[in-house]
């Protein structure tokens, strides 16, 4: 993959591609299926949220970790299937990842038609970023009767960029998908999780792949109910969080979380 020697491509079990980090080697997506994970673990929450009703035919998505834009493309597919326009804000620390995703797609093709459309929007947004405008909203799809879906890519440390967004902006769905707590702990710490929770609309749903008790406890202390997320391939269940109803966790895990709710934050 010419032009991006630091990120190593890897084909996942469903045929879609991901990238391996040049230092710690962790993959941007599940090796059990990058596109499958995007659809089943993340975008599945859009239909669940839409079932509760959305004003104006628009779904606001907070995507933490742009990566190869597979989660964004799965979200676009899900919104179109629900007749919704997607208004996505995607936070990314390292713009070399989406740049590498563009190179990977040129060599192997996009993962889906929606992925091709999102990558085209990212290509324009990255070109604008190179000229000093990293937060440009761009049209990625037009839905009859609902206007245009938009993508806003915000570069930088999410601990700084998320609080800097419009104070009144609240999200219907959150994809929490940075690298693991082991290699990227700052985006799993309680102050950041509390800011994410503050940005969630009353019926919003958050999905993440981790089952870390520390992360789940942080979400609970942020005022969210925590439950079991979907299993993807060989991967264990993920984690869902909401102020509404979520699928229950095993009894002993739920009891530990209830005790965590009562403990003061560290």
Protein backbone atom coordinates (compact mmCIF):
# COMPACT_ATOMS: atom_id res chain seq x y z
CA UNK A 1 0.00 0.00 0.00
CA UNK A 2 2.18 2.83 -1.33
CA UNK A 3 2.24 6.12 0.57
CA UNK A 4 1.27 4.74 3.99
CA UNK A 5 4.10 2.47 5.18
CA UNK A 6 3.36 2.95 8.88
CA UNK A 7 -0.10 1.34 8.91
CA UNK A 8 -0.24 -2.32 7.90
CA UNK A 9 -3.34 -3.60 6.06
CA UNK A 10 -5.04 -6.81 7.19
CA UNK A 11 -7.96 -8.65 5.59
CA UNK A 12 -10.61 -9.64 8.13
CA UNK A 13 -12.75 -12.78 8.14
CA UNK A 14 -15.68 -11.22 6.25
CA UNK A 15 -13.39 -10.04 3.42
CA UNK A 16 -13.29 -6.39 4.47
CA UNK A 17 -10.00 -4.74 5.36
CA UNK A 18 -8.65 -3.03 8.44
CA UNK A 19 -5.34 -1.45 9.47
CA UNK A 20 -2.88 -2.47 12.19
CA UNK A 21 -1.31 0.25 14.31
CA UNK A 22 2.40 0.72 13.51
CA UNK A 23 3.51 0.67 17.17
CA UNK A 24 1.26 -1.55 19.29
CA UNK A 25 -0.13 -3.63 16.42
CA UNK A 26 -3.76 -3.41 17.49
CA UNK A 27 -6.29 -3.52 14.66
CA UNK A 28 -8.68 -0.63 14.01
CA UNK A 29 -11.54 -3.16 13.75
CA UNK A 30 -12.35 -6.71 14.70
CA UNK A 31 -10.38 -9.27 12.71
CA UNK A 32 -13.53 -11.43 12.88
CA UNK A 33 -15.05 -9.01 10.36
CA UNK A 34 -14.48 -5.27 10.18
CA UNK A 35 -17.63 -4.44 8.21
CA UNK A 36 -19.66 -7.03 10.14
CA UNK A 37 -18.62 -5.39 13.39
CA UNK A 38 -19.56 -1.96 12.06
CA UNK A 39 -23.03 -3.16 11.09
CA UNK A 40 -23.84 -5.49 13.97
CA UNK A 41 -22.19 -3.82 16.95
CA UNK A 42 -22.61 -0.17 16.01
CA UNK A 43 -25.12 0.59 13.27
CA UNK A 44 -27.67 -1.81 14.77
CA UNK A 45 -28.28 0.80 17.46
CA UNK A 46 -29.69 3.22 14.89
CA UNK A 47 -32.78 1.10 14.28
CA UNK A 48 -33.20 0.66 18.03
CA UNK A 49 -33.04 4.41 18.56
CA UNK A 50 -35.30 5.14 15.59
CA UNK A 51 -37.96 2.84 17.07
CA UNK A 52 -38.38 5.40 19.87
CA UNK A 53 -39.06 8.17 17.35
CA UNK A 54 -36.83 10.97 16.04
CA UNK A 55 -37.89 14.55 15.44
CA UNK A 56 -37.29 15.99 12.00
CA UNK A 57 -36.28 12.73 10.32
CA UNK A 58 -32.62 13.22 11.29
CA UNK A 59 -30.33 11.12 13.46
CA UNK A 60 -27.36 12.81 15.12
CA UNK A 61 -24.37 10.50 15.51
CA UNK A 62 -21.21 11.00 17.56
CA UNK A 63 -18.51 8.75 16.08
CA UNK A 64 -15.45 8.58 18.34
CA UNK A 65 -12.64 7.22 16.22
CA UNK A 66 -13.15 7.77 12.47
CA UNK A 67 -10.72 5.02 11.55
CA UNK A 68 -11.44 3.56 8.11
CA UNK A 69 -14.96 5.07 8.12
CA UNK A 70 -16.61 1.64 8.22
CA UNK A 71 -18.76 2.61 11.20
CA UNK A 72 -19.84 5.77 9.39
CA UNK A 73 -20.72 3.83 6.25
CA UNK A 74 -22.74 1.29 8.23
CA UNK A 75 -24.53 4.18 9.95
CA UNK A 76 -25.38 5.70 6.57
CA UNK A 77 -26.81 2.36 5.39
CA UNK A 78 -28.87 2.02 8.57
CA UNK A 79 -30.21 5.57 8.34
CA UNK A 80 -31.21 5.11 4.71
CA UNK A 81 -33.04 1.90 5.58
CA UNK A 82 -35.00 3.86 8.21
CA UNK A 83 -35.69 6.83 5.89
CA UNK A 84 -33.50 9.11 8.03
CA UNK A 85 -30.88 11.69 7.24
CA UNK A 86 -27.60 11.19 9.07
CA UNK A 87 -25.88 14.10 10.79
CA UNK A 88 -22.52 12.68 11.87
CA UNK A 89 -19.72 14.26 13.85
CA UNK A 90 -16.61 12.09 13.76
CA UNK A 91 -13.67 12.71 16.10
CA UNK A 92 -10.23 11.53 15.00
CA UNK A 93 -6.84 12.07 16.61
CA UNK A 94 -4.67 10.78 13.76
CA UNK A 95 -5.73 11.86 10.26
CA UNK A 96 -3.22 9.42 8.81
CA UNK A 97 -5.76 6.68 9.52
CA UNK A 98 -8.51 7.97 7.18
CA UNK A 99 -5.81 8.94 4.66
CA UNK A 100 -4.53 5.37 4.78
CA UNK A 101 -8.11 4.13 4.43
CA UNK A 102 -8.39 6.01 1.14
CA UNK A 103 -5.22 4.36 -0.15
CA UNK A 104 -6.42 0.96 1.00
CA UNK A 105 -9.75 1.43 -0.81
CA UNK A 106 -7.98 2.41 -4.02
CA UNK A 107 -5.98 -0.82 -3.89
CA UNK A 108 -8.68 -3.25 -2.74
CA UNK A 109 -11.95 -1.38 -3.32
CA UNK A 110 -14.38 0.03 -0.76
CA UNK A 111 -16.18 -2.35 1.60
CA UNK A 112 -19.65 -1.37 0.34
CA UNK A 113 -21.38 1.25 -1.84
CA UNK A 114 -22.05 3.35 1.27
CA UNK A 115 -18.39 3.06 2.22
CA UNK A 116 -17.41 4.43 -1.20
CA UNK A 117 -19.67 7.46 -0.67
CA UNK A 118 -18.36 8.16 2.83
CA UNK A 119 -14.76 7.80 1.65
CA UNK A 120 -15.44 10.28 -1.15
CA UNK A 121 -16.72 12.76 1.43
CA UNK A 122 -13.69 12.10 3.64
CA UNK A 123 -11.38 12.68 0.70
CA UNK A 124 -12.91 16.11 0.19
CA UNK A 125 -12.82 16.91 3.89
CA UNK A 126 -9.16 15.88 4.17
CA UNK A 127 -8.30 18.03 1.17
CA UNK A 128 -10.03 20.93 2.91
CA UNK A 129 -8.15 20.12 6.13
CA UNK A 130 -4.87 20.35 4.26
CA UNK A 131 -5.90 23.90 3.37
CA UNK A 132 -6.67 24.77 6.98
CA UNK A 133 -10.39 23.88 7.29
CA UNK A 134 -10.61 20.55 9.21
CA UNK A 135 -14.25 20.93 10.31
CA UNK A 136 -16.10 21.32 7.01
CA UNK A 137 -19.60 19.75 6.78
CA UNK A 138 -19.96 17.82 3.53
CA UNK A 139 -22.92 16.19 1.82
CA UNK A 140 -22.58 12.40 1.61
CA UNK A 141 -26.10 11.42 0.58
CA UNK A 142 -29.42 12.98 -0.40
CA UNK A 143 -32.60 11.42 0.97
CA UNK A 144 -35.93 12.42 -0.56
CA UNK A 145 -38.01 14.41 1.90
CA UNK A 146 -35.28 14.56 4.53
CA UNK A 147 -32.57 16.73 2.97
CA UNK A 148 -28.88 15.87 2.96
CA UNK A 149 -26.87 13.69 5.30
CA UNK A 150 -23.73 15.42 6.54
CA UNK A 151 -20.33 14.42 7.82
CA UNK A 152 -18.21 16.67 10.01
CA UNK A 153 -14.68 15.45 10.67
CA UNK A 154 -13.05 17.06 13.72
CA UNK A 155 -9.32 16.50 14.10
CA UNK A 156 -7.51 16.47 17.45
CA UNK A 157 -7.66 15.01 20.95
CA UNK A 158 -11.32 14.12 21.61
CA UNK A 159 -10.91 15.20 25.25
CA UNK A 160 -10.55 18.74 23.92
CA UNK A 161 -12.62 18.66 20.73
CA UNK A 162 -15.78 17.13 22.20
CA UNK A 163 -16.28 19.81 24.90
CA UNK A 164 -15.56 22.47 22.27
CA UNK A 165 -18.56 21.50 20.12
CA UNK A 166 -21.69 23.65 20.16
CA UNK A 167 -22.89 23.48 23.80
CA UNK A 168 -26.44 22.65 22.71
CA UNK A 169 -25.47 19.78 20.42
CA UNK A 170 -26.79 16.44 21.71
CA UNK A 171 -26.50 13.06 19.98
CA UNK A 172 -28.99 10.25 19.45
CA UNK A 173 -26.38 7.51 19.01
CA UNK A 174 -22.74 7.30 20.09
CA UNK A 175 -20.12 4.93 18.64
CA UNK A 176 -17.29 4.70 21.19
CA UNK A 177 -14.57 3.01 19.17
CA UNK A 178 -11.05 4.19 19.99
CA UNK A 179 -8.20 1.75 20.51
CA UNK A 180 -8.53 -0.45 23.58
CA UNK A 181 -8.26 0.79 27.18
CA UNK A 182 -4.92 -1.02 27.38
CA UNK A 183 -3.26 1.06 24.66
CA UNK A 184 -5.39 4.24 24.62
CA UNK A 185 -6.53 4.78 28.22
CA UNK A 186 -7.34 8.54 28.09
CA UNK A 187 -10.52 8.04 26.03
CA UNK A 188 -11.84 5.52 28.54
CA UNK A 189 -11.30 7.55 31.70
CA UNK A 190 -14.24 8.79 33.74
CA UNK A 191 -13.98 12.53 32.91
CA UNK A 192 -14.22 11.79 29.19
CA UNK A 193 -17.01 9.25 29.65
CA UNK A 194 -18.91 11.86 31.69
CA UNK A 195 -18.55 14.37 28.84
CA UNK A 196 -19.81 11.76 26.36
CA UNK A 197 -22.81 11.06 28.59
CA UNK A 198 -23.50 14.79 28.90
CA UNK A 199 -23.69 14.97 25.11
CA UNK A 200 -26.28 12.20 24.84
CA UNK A 201 -29.92 13.11 24.20
CA UNK A 202 -32.48 11.63 26.65
CA UNK A 203 -33.10 8.44 24.64
CA UNK A 204 -29.62 8.16 23.14
CA UNK A 205 -27.80 4.85 22.89
CA UNK A 206 -24.04 4.30 23.17
CA UNK A 207 -22.31 1.21 21.83
CA UNK A 208 -18.74 0.08 22.36
CA UNK A 209 -16.81 -3.16 21.98
CA UNK A 210 -15.12 -3.19 25.37
CA UNK A 211 -16.43 -5.14 28.35
CA UNK A 212 -13.96 -3.57 30.77
CA UNK A 213 -15.50 -3.33 34.24
CA UNK A 214 -13.67 -0.05 34.75
CA UNK A 215 -15.26 1.43 31.63
CA UNK A 216 -18.69 0.06 32.50
CA UNK A 217 -18.37 1.49 36.01
CA UNK A 218 -17.41 4.87 34.55
CA UNK A 219 -20.50 4.85 32.34
CA UNK A 220 -22.67 3.96 35.33
CA UNK A 221 -21.19 6.80 37.39
CA UNK A 222 -21.90 9.10 34.44
CA UNK A 223 -25.60 8.40 34.99
CA UNK A 224 -26.16 5.76 32.33
CA UNK A 225 -27.74 2.30 32.49
CA UNK A 226 -25.24 -0.27 31.20
CA UNK A 227 -26.15 -3.48 29.43
CA UNK A 228 -24.91 -6.19 27.12
CA UNK A 229 -24.08 -5.31 23.53
CA UNK A 230 -24.26 -7.63 20.52
CA UNK A 231 -21.75 -10.43 20.01
CA UNK A 232 -19.79 -10.22 16.74
CA UNK A 233 -18.16 -13.36 15.37
CA UNK A 234 -15.78 -14.81 17.94
CA UNK A 235 -15.87 -11.62 20.00
CA UNK A 236 -17.65 -11.53 23.34
CA UNK A 237 -20.59 -9.25 23.93
CA UNK A 238 -19.92 -5.54 23.81
CA UNK A 239 -21.41 -2.85 26.00
CA UNK A 240 -24.49 -0.67 25.54
CA UNK A 241 -25.29 2.39 27.64
CA UNK A 242 -28.34 4.62 27.76
CA UNK A 243 -30.60 6.53 30.11
CA UNK A 244 -33.32 4.23 28.85
CA UNK A 245 -33.61 0.45 28.77
CA UNK A 246 -30.69 -1.77 27.74
CA UNK A 247 -30.33 -5.57 27.60
CA UNK A 248 -29.43 -6.93 31.05
CA UNK A 249 -25.99 -8.07 32.08
CA UNK A 250 -25.31 -11.24 34.06
CA UNK A 251 -26.50 -10.88 37.64
CA UNK A 252 -23.08 -10.85 39.29
CA UNK A 253 -21.80 -8.19 36.86
CA UNK A 254 -24.90 -6.09 37.42
CA UNK A 255 -24.39 -6.28 41.19
CA UNK A 256 -20.79 -5.12 40.84
CA UNK A 257 -21.94 -2.18 38.76
CA UNK A 258 -24.54 -1.22 41.31
CA UNK A 259 -21.81 -1.14 43.96
CA UNK A 260 -19.67 0.97 41.61
CA UNK A 261 -22.53 3.46 41.24
CA UNK A 262 -22.41 4.10 44.98
CA UNK A 263 -18.64 4.54 45.18
CA UNK A 264 -17.17 8.03 44.71
CA UNK A 265 -15.35 8.62 41.45
CA UNK A 266 -11.56 8.18 41.74
